[in-house]
C-alpha cells in the first residue's frame, strides 16, 4: 500500500519530534551545571554533611536583611543564618 505525500510528511514530522524529545540536554542545564536535579540526591548530600532542614516563620523585613547580609558577605543564605545563630547563642 502506498502512502500519500501528506502521510509521509506527517510521519517525518513525528520522527523529528520524537528525536528532539529524546535528545539529551546540554551540560549547562544538565549534570555539568553543578546543581543537583534530584531532591533525594540533594537530601542525601545534605544528610552526609550533617545538615538538618529547619523551617521557621520570620518577618519579611528580617528576611530582607538576612538576604542583603548574605550577598554582602558573598556566601549563601544558609551559611549566613547558621553563623548568626551560632554568634547569638554564644553571646548568652
C-alpha atoms as a PDB file:
ATOM      1  CA  UNK A   1       0.000   0.000   0.000  1.00  0.00           C
ATOM      2  CA  UNK A   2       1.371   3.368  -0.961  1.00  0.00           C
ATOM      3  CA  UNK A   3       1.218   6.338   1.340  1.00  0.00           C
ATOM      4  CA  UNK A   4       0.058   9.789   0.429  1.00  0.00           C
ATOM      5  CA  UNK A   5       2.532  12.609   0.365  1.00  0.00           C
ATOM      6  CA  UNK A   6       0.838  14.222   3.396  1.00  0.00           C
ATOM      7  CA  UNK A   7       1.103  10.956   5.374  1.00  0.00           C
ATOM      8  CA  UNK A   8       4.827  10.756   4.607  1.00  0.00           C
ATOM      9  CA  UNK A   9       5.319  14.352   5.768  1.00  0.00           C
ATOM     10  CA  UNK A  10       3.329  13.647   8.938  1.00  0.00           C
ATOM     11  CA  UNK A  11       5.438  10.576   9.758  1.00  0.00           C
ATOM     12  CA  UNK A  12       8.643  12.517   9.120  1.00  0.00           C
ATOM     13  CA  UNK A  13       7.451  15.279  11.469  1.00  0.00           C
ATOM     14  CA  UNK A  14       6.607  12.732  14.187  1.00  0.00           C
ATOM     15  CA  UNK A  15      10.068  11.161  13.875  1.00  0.00           C
ATOM     16  CA  UNK A  16      11.809  14.519  14.243  1.00  0.00           C
ATOM     17  CA  UNK A  17       9.600  15.479  17.208  1.00  0.00           C
ATOM     18  CA  UNK A  18      10.490  12.232  18.964  1.00  0.00           C
ATOM     19  CA  UNK A  19      14.183  12.729  18.198  1.00  0.00           C
ATOM     20  CA  UNK A  20      14.047  16.196  19.763  1.00  0.00           C
ATOM     21  CA  UNK A  21      12.301  14.870  22.877  1.00  0.00           C
ATOM     22  CA  UNK A  22      14.827  12.061  23.294  1.00  0.00           C
ATOM     23  CA  UNK A  23      17.894  14.235  22.707  1.00  0.00           C
ATOM     24  CA  UNK A  24      19.946  14.869  25.822  1.00  0.00           C
ATOM     25  CA  UNK A  25      20.140  18.269  27.468  1.00  0.00           C
ATOM     26  CA  UNK A  26      23.345  20.266  27.130  1.00  0.00           C
ATOM     27  CA  UNK A  27      25.723  20.322  30.091  1.00  0.00           C
ATOM     28  CA  UNK A  28      24.840  23.833  31.166  1.00  0.00           C
ATOM     29  CA  UNK A  29      21.347  22.614  32.084  1.00  0.00           C
ATOM     30  CA  UNK A  30      22.182  19.046  32.975  1.00  0.00           C
ATOM     31  CA  UNK A  31      24.683  17.325  35.178  1.00  0.00           C
ATOM     32  CA  UNK A  32      27.521  19.669  34.253  1.00  0.00           C
ATOM     33  CA  UNK A  33      25.856  22.666  35.865  1.00  0.00           C
ATOM     34  CA  UNK A  34      26.788  21.565  39.391  1.00  0.00           C
ATOM     35  CA  UNK A  35      23.189  21.776  40.535  1.00  0.00           C
ATOM     36  CA  UNK A  36      21.667  18.551  41.809  1.00  0.00           C
ATOM     37  CA  UNK A  37      18.407  17.955  39.980  1.00  0.00           C
ATOM     38  CA  UNK A  38      17.175  15.103  42.131  1.00  0.00           C
ATOM     39  CA  UNK A  39      15.800  16.118  45.522  1.00  0.00           C
ATOM     40  CA  UNK A  40      16.541  12.719  47.043  1.00  0.00           C
ATOM     41  CA  UNK A  41      20.169  13.002  45.980  1.00  0.00           C
ATOM     42  CA  UNK A  42      20.389  16.527  47.435  1.00  0.00           C
ATOM     43  CA  UNK A  43      18.846  15.283  50.703  1.00  0.00           C
ATOM     44  CA  UNK A  44      21.482  12.536  50.922  1.00  0.00           C
ATOM     45  CA  UNK A  45      24.277  15.040  50.319  1.00  0.00           C
ATOM     46  CA  UNK A  46      22.894  17.376  52.996  1.00  0.00           C
ATOM     47  CA  UNK A  47      22.444  14.497  55.439  1.00  0.00           C
ATOM     48  CA  UNK A  48      26.033  13.333  54.888  1.00  0.00           C
ATOM     49  CA  UNK A  49      27.194  16.878  55.661  1.00  0.00           C
ATOM     50  CA  UNK A  50      25.218  16.811  58.917  1.00  0.00           C
ATOM     51  CA  UNK A  51      22.633  19.346  57.756  1.00  0.00           C
ATOM     52  CA  UNK A  52      19.062  19.131  59.031  1.00  0.00           C
ATOM     53  CA  UNK A  53      16.202  21.067  57.445  1.00  0.00           C
ATOM     54  CA  UNK A  54      14.734  23.602  59.872  1.00  0.00           C
ATOM     55  CA  UNK A  55      11.814  25.825  58.941  1.00  0.00           C
ATOM     56  CA  UNK A  56      10.573  28.826  60.863  1.00  0.00           C
ATOM     57  CA  UNK A  57       8.500  31.900  60.129  1.00  0.00           C
ATOM     58  CA  UNK A  58      10.320  35.230  60.159  1.00  0.00           C
ATOM     59  CA  UNK A  59       9.173  38.786  59.477  1.00  0.00           C
ATOM     60  CA  UNK A  60       9.709  39.940  55.897  1.00  0.00           C
ATOM     61  CA  UNK A  61      11.974  42.823  56.915  1.00  0.00           C
ATOM     62  CA  UNK A  62      14.284  40.436  58.792  1.00  0.00           C
ATOM     63  CA  UNK A  63      14.463  38.083  55.817  1.00  0.00           C
ATOM     64  CA  UNK A  64      15.378  41.016  53.578  1.00  0.00           C
ATOM     65  CA  UNK A  65      18.187  41.979  55.979  1.00  0.00           C
ATOM     66  CA  UNK A  66      19.432  38.384  56.029  1.00  0.00           C
ATOM     67  CA  UNK A  67      19.499  38.200  52.229  1.00  0.00           C
ATOM     68  CA  UNK A  68      21.326  41.526  51.961  1.00  0.00           C
ATOM     69  CA  UNK A  69      23.890  40.416  54.527  1.00  0.00           C
ATOM     70  CA  UNK A  70      24.401  37.106  52.713  1.00  0.00           C
ATOM     71  CA  UNK A  71      25.002  38.959  49.428  1.00  0.00           C
ATOM     72  CA  UNK A  72      27.396  41.381  51.139  1.00  0.00           C
ATOM     73  CA  UNK A  73      29.376  38.540  52.742  1.00  0.00           C
ATOM     74  CA  UNK A  74      29.488  36.641  49.462  1.00  0.00           C
ATOM     75  CA  UNK A  75      28.073  33.463  50.989  1.00  0.00           C
ATOM     76  CA  UNK A  76      24.734  31.801  50.736  1.00  0.00           C
ATOM     77  CA  UNK A  77      21.755  32.390  52.998  1.00  0.00           C
ATOM     78  CA  UNK A  78      22.138  29.083  54.874  1.00  0.00           C
ATOM     79  CA  UNK A  79      25.719  29.835  55.892  1.00  0.00           C
ATOM     80  CA  UNK A  80      24.867  33.377  56.962  1.00  0.00           C
ATOM     81  CA  UNK A  81      21.907  32.303  59.095  1.00  0.00           C
ATOM     82  CA  UNK A  82      23.925  29.498  60.706  1.00  0.00           C
ATOM     83  CA  UNK A  83      26.763  31.901  61.569  1.00  0.00           C
ATOM     84  CA  UNK A  84      24.375  34.463  63.059  1.00  0.00           C
ATOM     85  CA  UNK A  85      22.564  31.852  65.157  1.00  0.00           C
ATOM     86  CA  UNK A  86      25.880  30.486  66.482  1.00  0.00           C
ATOM     87  CA  UNK A  87      27.042  34.019  67.298  1.00  0.00           C
ATOM     88  CA  UNK A  88      23.752  34.769  69.086  1.00  0.00           C
ATOM     89  CA  UNK A  89      23.837  31.570  71.120  1.00  0.00           C
ATOM     90  CA  UNK A  90      27.422  32.156  72.233  1.00  0.00           C
ATOM     91  CA  UNK A  91      26.546  35.664  73.436  1.00  0.00           C
ATOM     92  CA  UNK A  92      24.129  34.311  76.058  1.00  0.00           C
END
